[in-house]
Amino acid sequence: MNLHDAQIGVLAEHQYQELELWYPVLRLREAGANVLVVGPSDRQIYGSKLGYPVTADIAVEGVSSDDFDAIVIPGGFAPEGLRRSAGILELVRGVHARGGLVAAICHAGWVLASAGIARGRKLTCVAPIKDDVLNAGAQYVDEPVVRDGNLITSRLPSDLPAFGRAIVDYLVTNPSTRSGHRRLAPTRGREAASAHYQAAAHVVMAARGKGSANYVLTVPDPAAAQ
């Protein structure tokens, strides 16, 4: 497909690995693709492991698997939250089932396992979750990048050049399987998610409710502290 016609979603959640989100976003935008950061919410600031903030261009509830030629899943600890979102798993499952590309790096193997698309596939991931993907029925290999059909996986930020190259090569050598024809844009007329920021995001654990032992990661609202 022509990369200028490609529409790609990059997933975001708290504690994402900085390079594993921004490298694909910027690399694919440079190549001409329409790249949108997709999160469980488009109103939440998601903080990376080091405090690098991102606000999703669009919430998962506002998109369909028919909208995307590819989904890219960054690692860090974001996959722990992504795999608990029914909408995110439905999106990943739908793109994969339609024959679109799903690319996952590092801990993103967790999302592949929870989406049920790891079984019987050859893939790689960060070493600490090797047992998770094996138990999900995958064939694990320790290589910088592994392509098995419409699934591309990598291990670590140092593998990003090979990961990015594999994604671009896949897109330019395969026809689009996207059945939707709408061109997505950030919600509420915002600018597209940018790697420029003025202050780090401080991610903390907070109870979901008063007296609750059920915790969620959150970015404190600076206005609430004033």
C-alpha atoms as a PDB file:
ATOM      1  CA  MET A   1       0.000   0.000   0.000  1.00  0.00           C
ATOM      2  CA  ASN A   2       1.002   3.626  -0.350  1.00  0.00           C
ATOM      3  CA  LEU A   3       2.069   4.787   3.118  1.00  0.00           C
ATOM      4  CA  HIS A   4       0.293   8.103   2.556  1.00  0.00           C
ATOM      5  CA  ASP A   5      -2.942   6.095   2.472  1.00  0.00           C
ATOM      6  CA  ALA A   6      -2.123   4.027   5.564  1.00  0.00           C
ATOM      7  CA  GLN A   7      -3.912   4.631   8.871  1.00  0.00           C
ATOM      8  CA  ILE A   8      -2.165   3.330  11.974  1.00  0.00           C
ATOM      9  CA  GLY A   9      -3.076   3.249  15.649  1.00  0.00           C
ATOM     10  CA  VAL A  10      -0.393   3.305  18.358  1.00  0.00           C
ATOM     11  CA  LEU A  11      -1.749   2.294  21.761  1.00  0.00           C
ATOM     12  CA  ALA A  12      -1.095   4.222  24.975  1.00  0.00           C
ATOM     13  CA  GLU A  13      -1.539   3.571  28.686  1.00  0.00           C
ATOM     14  CA  HIS A  14       0.249   4.555  31.888  1.00  0.00           C
ATOM     15  CA  GLN A  15       3.917   3.587  32.289  1.00  0.00           C
ATOM     16  CA  TYR A  16       4.574   3.058  28.597  1.00  0.00           C
ATOM     17  CA  GLN A  17       8.202   2.835  27.505  1.00  0.00           C
ATOM     18  CA  GLU A  18       9.049   6.215  25.993  1.00  0.00           C
ATOM     19  CA  LEU A  19      10.967   5.140  22.902  1.00  0.00           C
ATOM     20  CA  GLU A  20       8.636   2.257  22.118  1.00  0.00           C
ATOM     21  CA  LEU A  21       5.696   4.635  21.717  1.00  0.00           C
ATOM     22  CA  TRP A  22       7.299   7.717  20.195  1.00  0.00           C
ATOM     23  CA  TYR A  23       9.709   6.013  17.800  1.00  0.00           C
ATOM     24  CA  PRO A  24       6.909   4.268  15.824  1.00  0.00           C
ATOM     25  CA  VAL A  25       4.677   7.362  15.970  1.00  0.00           C
ATOM     26  CA  LEU A  26       7.352   9.661  14.554  1.00  0.00           C
ATOM     27  CA  ARG A  27       8.869   7.097  12.165  1.00  0.00           C
ATOM     28  CA  LEU A  28       5.524   6.318  10.547  1.00  0.00           C
ATOM     29  CA  ARG A  29       4.410   9.960  10.431  1.00  0.00           C
ATOM     30  CA  GLU A  30       7.711  10.756   8.704  1.00  0.00           C
ATOM     31  CA  ALA A  31       6.852   8.101   6.112  1.00  0.00           C
ATOM     32  CA  GLY A  32       3.530   9.820   5.447  1.00  0.00           C
ATOM     33  CA  ALA A  33       1.060   7.591   7.308  1.00  0.00           C
ATOM     34  CA  ASN A  34      -1.861   8.956   9.317  1.00  0.00           C
ATOM     35  CA  VAL A  35      -0.812   7.865  12.807  1.00  0.00           C
ATOM     36  CA  LEU A  36      -3.096   8.300  15.808  1.00  0.00           C
ATOM     37  CA  VAL A  37      -2.376   7.535  19.438  1.00  0.00           C
ATOM     38  CA  VAL A  38      -5.295   5.461  20.764  1.00  0.00           C
ATOM     39  CA  GLY A  39      -5.994   4.990  24.469  1.00  0.00           C
ATOM     40  CA  PRO A  40      -8.787   3.791  26.724  1.00  0.00           C
ATOM     41  CA  SER A  41      -9.584   7.523  27.147  1.00  0.00           C
ATOM     42  CA  ASP A  42      -8.771  10.668  25.173  1.00  0.00           C
ATOM     43  CA  ARG A  43      -9.207  12.834  28.272  1.00  0.00           C
ATOM     44  CA  GLN A  44      -6.484  11.190  30.356  1.00  0.00           C
ATOM     45  CA  ILE A  45      -2.829  12.191  30.355  1.00  0.00           C
ATOM     46  CA  TYR A  46      -0.826   8.967  30.257  1.00  0.00           C
ATOM     47  CA  GLY A  47       2.576   9.123  31.912  1.00  0.00           C
ATOM     48  CA  SER A  48       5.497   7.022  30.747  1.00  0.00           C
ATOM     49  CA  LYS A  49       7.872   5.133  33.035  1.00  0.00           C
ATOM     50  CA  LEU A  50      10.037   8.275  33.185  1.00  0.00           C
ATOM     51  CA  GLY A  51       7.182  10.785  33.246  1.00  0.00           C
ATOM     52  CA  TYR A  52       6.944  11.560  29.513  1.00  0.00           C
ATOM     53  CA  PRO A  53       3.280  12.505  28.970  1.00  0.00           C
ATOM     54  CA  VAL A  54       0.939  11.709  26.098  1.00  0.00           C
ATOM     55  CA  THR A  55      -2.750  12.371  25.602  1.00  0.00           C
ATOM     56  CA  ALA A  56      -4.437   9.985  23.174  1.00  0.00           C
ATOM     57  CA  ASP A  57      -5.608  11.490  19.902  1.00  0.00           C
ATOM     58  CA  ILE A  58      -8.749   9.415  20.099  1.00  0.00           C
ATOM     59  CA  ALA A  59     -10.396   7.044  22.573  1.00  0.00           C
ATOM     60  CA  VAL A  60     -10.790   3.389  21.707  1.00  0.00           C
ATOM     61  CA  GLU A  61     -14.582   3.742  21.890  1.00  0.00           C
ATOM     62  CA  GLY A  62     -14.407   6.171  18.963  1.00  0.00           C
ATOM     63  CA  VAL A  63     -12.680   3.798  16.555  1.00  0.00           C
ATOM     64  CA  SER A  64     -13.252   0.456  14.885  1.00  0.00           C
ATOM     65  CA  SER A  65     -10.858  -2.230  13.734  1.00  0.00           C
ATOM     66  CA  ASP A  66     -12.039  -1.348  10.204  1.00  0.00           C
ATOM     67  CA  ASP A  67     -10.338   2.045  10.586  1.00  0.00           C
ATOM     68  CA  PHE A  68      -6.761   0.751  10.774  1.00  0.00           C
ATOM     69  CA  ASP A  69      -4.226  -0.891   8.519  1.00  0.00           C
ATOM     70  CA  ALA A  70      -2.025  -1.573  11.536  1.00  0.00           C
ATOM     71  CA  ILE A  71      -1.927  -1.424  15.317  1.00  0.00           C
ATOM     72  CA  VAL A  72       1.378  -0.869  17.151  1.00  0.00           C
ATOM     73  CA  ILE A  73       1.563  -1.865  20.821  1.00  0.00           C
ATOM     74  CA  PRO A  74       4.409  -0.316  22.865  1.00  0.00           C
ATOM     75  CA  GLY A  75       5.877  -1.989  25.913  1.00  0.00           C
ATOM     76  CA  GLY A  76       6.975  -0.781  29.284  1.00  0.00           C
ATOM     77  CA  PHE A  77       4.260  -1.603  31.810  1.00  0.00           C
ATOM     78  CA  ALA A  78       1.479  -0.065  29.697  1.00  0.00           C
ATOM     79  CA  PRO A  79       0.421  -3.505  28.424  1.00  0.00           C
ATOM     80  CA  GLU A  80      -0.677  -4.397  31.960  1.00  0.00           C
ATOM     81  CA  GLY A  81      -3.368  -1.723  31.652  1.00  0.00           C
ATOM     82  CA  LEU A  82      -4.066  -2.245  27.944  1.00  0.00           C
ATOM     83  CA  ARG A  83      -4.833  -5.938  28.421  1.00  0.00           C
ATOM     84  CA  ARG A  84      -7.515  -5.031  30.985  1.00  0.00           C
ATOM     85  CA  SER A  85      -9.402  -2.842  28.508  1.00  0.00           C
ATOM     86  CA  ALA A  86     -12.095  -4.816  26.687  1.00  0.00           C
ATOM     87  CA  GLY A  87     -12.192  -2.172  23.949  1.00  0.00           C
ATOM     88  CA  ILE A  88      -8.439  -2.335  23.345  1.00  0.00           C
ATOM     89  CA  LEU A  89      -8.481  -6.138  23.141  1.00  0.00           C
ATOM     90  CA  GLU A  90     -11.436  -6.030  20.738  1.00  0.00           C
ATOM     91  CA  LEU A  91      -9.570  -3.538  18.542  1.00  0.00           C
ATOM     92  CA  VAL A  92      -6.378  -5.627  18.440  1.00  0.00           C
ATOM     93  CA  ARG A  93      -8.349  -8.817  17.823  1.00  0.00           C
ATOM     94  CA  GLY A  94     -10.380  -7.214  15.052  1.00  0.00           C
ATOM     95  CA  VAL A  95      -7.410  -5.778  13.139  1.00  0.00           C
ATOM     96  CA  HIS A  96      -5.606  -9.101  13.391  1.00  0.00           C
ATOM     97  CA  ALA A  97      -8.636 -11.162  12.310  1.00  0.00           C
ATOM     98  CA  ARG A  98      -9.150  -8.943   9.261  1.00  0.00           C
ATOM     99  CA  GLY A  99      -5.532  -9.519   8.188  1.00  0.00           C
ATOM    100  CA  GLY A 100      -4.208  -6.141   9.267  1.00  0.00           C
ATOM    101  CA  LEU A 101      -0.805  -5.774  10.874  1.00  0.00           C
ATOM    102  CA  VAL A 102      -0.356  -6.075  14.635  1.00  0.00           C
ATOM    103  CA  ALA A 103       3.127  -5.050  15.812  1.00  0.00           C
ATOM    104  CA  ALA A 104       4.117  -5.534  19.456  1.00  0.00           C
ATOM    105  CA  ILE A 105       7.342  -4.859  21.327  1.00  0.00           C
ATOM    106  CA  CYS A 106       8.695  -5.722  24.771  1.00  0.00           C
ATOM    107  CA  HIS A 107       5.921  -6.411  27.345  1.00  0.00           C
ATOM    108  CA  ALA A 108       3.271  -5.977  24.633  1.00  0.00           C
ATOM    109  CA  GLY A 109       3.315  -9.758  24.322  1.00  0.00           C
ATOM    110  CA  TRP A 110       0.905  -9.614  27.266  1.00  0.00           C
ATOM    111  CA  VAL A 111      -1.686  -7.928  25.038  1.00  0.00           C
ATOM    112  CA  LEU A 112      -1.240 -10.558  22.324  1.00  0.00           C
ATOM    113  CA  ALA A 113      -1.802 -13.270  24.928  1.00  0.00           C
ATOM    114  CA  SER A 114      -4.910 -11.619  26.387  1.00  0.00           C
ATOM    115  CA  ALA A 115      -6.320 -10.943  22.915  1.00  0.00           C
ATOM    116  CA  GLY A 116      -5.934 -14.644  22.101  1.00  0.00           C
ATOM    117  CA  ILE A 117      -3.761 -14.095  19.022  1.00  0.00           C
ATOM    118  CA  ALA A 118      -0.456 -15.510  20.323  1.00  0.00           C
ATOM    119  CA  ARG A 119      -1.426 -19.186  20.148  1.00  0.00           C
ATOM    120  CA  GLY A 120       0.424 -21.072  17.415  1.00  0.00           C
ATOM    121  CA  ARG A 121       2.429 -18.011  16.363  1.00  0.00           C
ATOM    122  CA  LYS A 122       6.171 -17.502  16.253  1.00  0.00           C
ATOM    123  CA  LEU A 123       7.098 -14.362  18.180  1.00  0.00           C
ATOM    124  CA  THR A 124       9.554 -12.637  20.479  1.00  0.00           C
ATOM    125  CA  CYS A 125       9.207 -10.385  23.526  1.00  0.00           C
ATOM    126  CA  VAL A 126      11.189  -9.084  26.468  1.00  0.00           C
ATOM    127  CA  ALA A 127      12.741 -12.038  28.332  1.00  0.00           C
ATOM    128  CA  PRO A 128      10.818 -11.645  31.647  1.00  0.00           C
ATOM    129  CA  ILE A 129       7.488 -12.424  29.929  1.00  0.00           C
ATOM    130  CA  LYS A 130       8.792 -15.356  27.889  1.00  0.00           C
ATOM    131  CA  ASP A 131       6.853 -17.826  30.069  1.00  0.00           C
ATOM    132  CA  ASP A 132       3.649 -15.806  29.613  1.00  0.00           C
ATOM    133  CA  VAL A 133       3.729 -16.029  25.824  1.00  0.00           C
ATOM    134  CA  LEU A 134       4.748 -19.706  25.946  1.00  0.00           C
ATOM    135  CA  ASN A 135       1.801 -20.425  28.231  1.00  0.00           C
ATOM    136  CA  ALA A 136      -0.401 -18.540  25.754  1.00  0.00           C
ATOM    137  CA  GLY A 137       0.607 -21.119  23.136  1.00  0.00           C
ATOM    138  CA  ALA A 138       3.208 -19.135  21.212  1.00  0.00           C
ATOM    139  CA  GLN A 139       6.564 -20.302  19.883  1.00  0.00           C
ATOM    140  CA  TYR A 140       9.147 -17.988  21.464  1.00  0.00           C
ATOM    141  CA  VAL A 141      12.410 -17.077  19.733  1.00  0.00           C
ATOM    142  CA  ASP A 142      15.105 -14.713  21.002  1.00  0.00           C
ATOM    143  CA  GLU A 143      15.648 -12.455  17.967  1.00  0.00           C
ATOM    144  CA  PRO A 144      15.572  -8.658  17.454  1.00  0.00           C
ATOM    145  CA  VAL A 145      12.473  -8.815  15.265  1.00  0.00           C
ATOM    146  CA  VAL A 146      10.209 -11.695  14.247  1.00  0.00           C
ATOM    147  CA  ARG A 147       7.579 -11.613  11.533  1.00  0.00           C
ATOM    148  CA  ASP A 148       4.948 -14.336  11.383  1.00  0.00           C
ATOM    149  CA  GLY A 149       2.363 -13.408   8.776  1.00  0.00           C
ATOM    150  CA  ASN A 150       0.618 -10.230   9.918  1.00  0.00           C
ATOM    151  CA  LEU A 151       2.263 -10.303  13.347  1.00  0.00           C
ATOM    152  CA  ILE A 152       5.570  -8.475  13.978  1.00  0.00           C
ATOM    153  CA  THR A 153       7.270  -8.582  17.379  1.00  0.00           C
ATOM    154  CA  SER A 154      10.455  -7.232  18.961  1.00  0.00           C
ATOM    155  CA  ARG A 155      12.161  -7.399  22.344  1.00  0.00           C
ATOM    156  CA  LEU A 156      13.661  -4.109  23.538  1.00  0.00           C
ATOM    157  CA  PRO A 157      14.168  -0.407  22.686  1.00  0.00           C
ATOM    158  CA  SER A 158      17.538  -1.321  21.149  1.00  0.00           C
ATOM    159  CA  ASP A 159      15.599  -3.381  18.576  1.00  0.00           C
ATOM    160  CA  LEU A 160      13.510  -0.403  17.436  1.00  0.00           C
ATOM    161  CA  PRO A 161      15.413   0.224  14.168  1.00  0.00           C
ATOM    162  CA  ALA A 162      14.714  -3.369  13.080  1.00  0.00           C
ATOM    163  CA  PHE A 163      11.135  -3.149  14.418  1.00  0.00           C
ATOM    164  CA  GLY A 164      10.406   0.095  12.559  1.00  0.00           C
ATOM    165  CA  ARG A 165      11.981  -1.202   9.356  1.00  0.00           C
ATOM    166  CA  ALA A 166       9.916  -4.407   9.512  1.00  0.00           C
ATOM    167  CA  ILE A 167       6.683  -2.433   9.988  1.00  0.00           C
ATOM    168  CA  VAL A 168       7.407  -0.113   7.040  1.00  0.00           C
ATOM    169  CA  ASP A 169       8.487  -3.024   4.815  1.00  0.00           C
ATOM    170  CA  TYR A 170       5.282  -4.883   5.652  1.00  0.00           C
ATOM    171  CA  LEU A 171       3.054  -1.907   4.888  1.00  0.00           C
ATOM    172  CA  VAL A 172       4.666  -1.017   1.549  1.00  0.00           C
ATOM    173  CA  THR A 173       4.623  -4.622   0.308  1.00  0.00           C
ATOM    174  CA  ASN A 174       1.081  -5.572   1.336  1.00  0.00           C
ATOM    175  CA  PRO A 175      -2.263  -4.189   0.176  1.00  0.00           C
ATOM    176  CA  SER A 176      -4.527  -2.450   2.636  1.00  0.00           C
ATOM    177  CA  THR A 177      -7.098  -4.687   4.310  1.00  0.00           C
ATOM    178  CA  ARG A 178      -8.913  -1.720   5.872  1.00  0.00           C
ATOM    179  CA  SER A 179     -12.607  -1.817   5.047  1.00  0.00           C
ATOM    180  CA  GLY A 180     -13.357   1.597   6.545  1.00  0.00           C
ATOM    181  CA  HIS A 181     -12.720   4.698   4.440  1.00  0.00           C
ATOM    182  CA  ARG A 182     -12.926   7.522   6.965  1.00  0.00           C
ATOM    183  CA  ARG A 183      -9.756   9.443   7.713  1.00  0.00           C
ATOM    184  CA  LEU A 184      -9.450   9.742  11.476  1.00  0.00           C
ATOM    185  CA  ALA A 185      -8.397  12.931  13.216  1.00  0.00           C
ATOM    186  CA  PRO A 186      -7.752  13.852  16.862  1.00  0.00           C
ATOM    187  CA  THR A 187     -10.974  14.439  18.765  1.00  0.00           C
ATOM    188  CA  ARG A 188     -12.316  17.890  19.610  1.00  0.00           C
ATOM    189  CA  GLY A 189     -10.146  19.582  16.979  1.00  0.00           C
ATOM    190  CA  ARG A 190      -6.907  19.096  18.909  1.00  0.00           C
ATOM    191  CA  GLU A 191      -3.453  18.968  17.443  1.00  0.00           C
ATOM    192  CA  ALA A 192      -2.058  15.472  16.931  1.00  0.00           C
ATOM    193  CA  ALA A 193      -0.206  13.988  19.905  1.00  0.00           C
ATOM    194  CA  SER A 194       3.222  15.604  20.113  1.00  0.00           C
ATOM    195  CA  ALA A 195       6.544  14.542  21.566  1.00  0.00           C
ATOM    196  CA  HIS A 196       7.006  18.109  22.836  1.00  0.00           C
ATOM    197  CA  TYR A 197       6.087  18.686  26.467  1.00  0.00           C
ATOM    198  CA  GLN A 198       6.732  21.272  29.158  1.00  0.00           C
ATOM    199  CA  ALA A 199       6.382  19.226  32.348  1.00  0.00           C
ATOM    200  CA  ALA A 200       6.774  15.593  33.294  1.00  0.00           C
ATOM    201  CA  ALA A 201       3.725  13.523  34.224  1.00  0.00           C
ATOM    202  CA  HIS A 202       3.857  12.138  37.761  1.00  0.00           C
ATOM    203  CA  VAL A 203       2.069   8.790  37.804  1.00  0.00           C
ATOM    204  CA  VAL A 204       0.882   7.523  41.198  1.00  0.00           C
ATOM    205  CA  MET A 205      -1.290   4.750  42.581  1.00  0.00           C
ATOM    206  CA  ALA A 206      -4.708   5.803  43.880  1.00  0.00           C
ATOM    207  CA  ALA A 207      -7.720   3.929  45.219  1.00  0.00           C
ATOM    208  CA  ARG A 208     -10.633   3.610  42.827  1.00  0.00           C
ATOM    209  CA  GLY A 209     -12.997   4.610  45.597  1.00  0.00           C
ATOM    210  CA  LYS A 210     -13.187   5.586  49.260  1.00  0.00           C
ATOM    211  CA  GLY A 211     -11.908   2.763  51.433  1.00  0.00           C
ATOM    212  CA  SER A 212     -11.149   0.678  48.357  1.00  0.00           C
ATOM    213  CA  ALA A 213      -8.267  -1.790  48.108  1.00  0.00           C
ATOM    214  CA  ASN A 214      -8.624  -1.718  44.324  1.00  0.00           C
ATOM    215  CA  TYR A 215      -5.992   0.633  42.914  1.00  0.00           C
ATOM    216  CA  VAL A 216      -5.503   2.383  39.613  1.00  0.00           C
ATOM    217  CA  LEU A 217      -2.612   4.358  38.130  1.00  0.00           C
ATOM    218  CA  THR A 218      -3.415   8.030  37.742  1.00  0.00           C
ATOM    219  CA  VAL A 219      -1.826  11.363  36.918  1.00  0.00           C
ATOM    220  CA  PRO A 220      -2.675  13.900  39.648  1.00  0.00           C
ATOM    221  CA  ASP A 221      -4.600  16.970  38.497  1.00  0.00           C
ATOM    222  CA  PRO A 222      -2.363  19.990  39.258  1.00  0.00           C
ATOM    223  CA  ALA A 223      -5.458  22.189  39.669  1.00  0.00           C
ATOM    224  CA  ALA A 224      -6.794  19.942  42.414  1.00  0.00           C
ATOM    225  CA  ALA A 225      -3.682  20.570  44.530  1.00  0.00           C
ATOM    226  CA  GLN A 226      -4.149  24.339  44.502  1.00  0.00           C
END
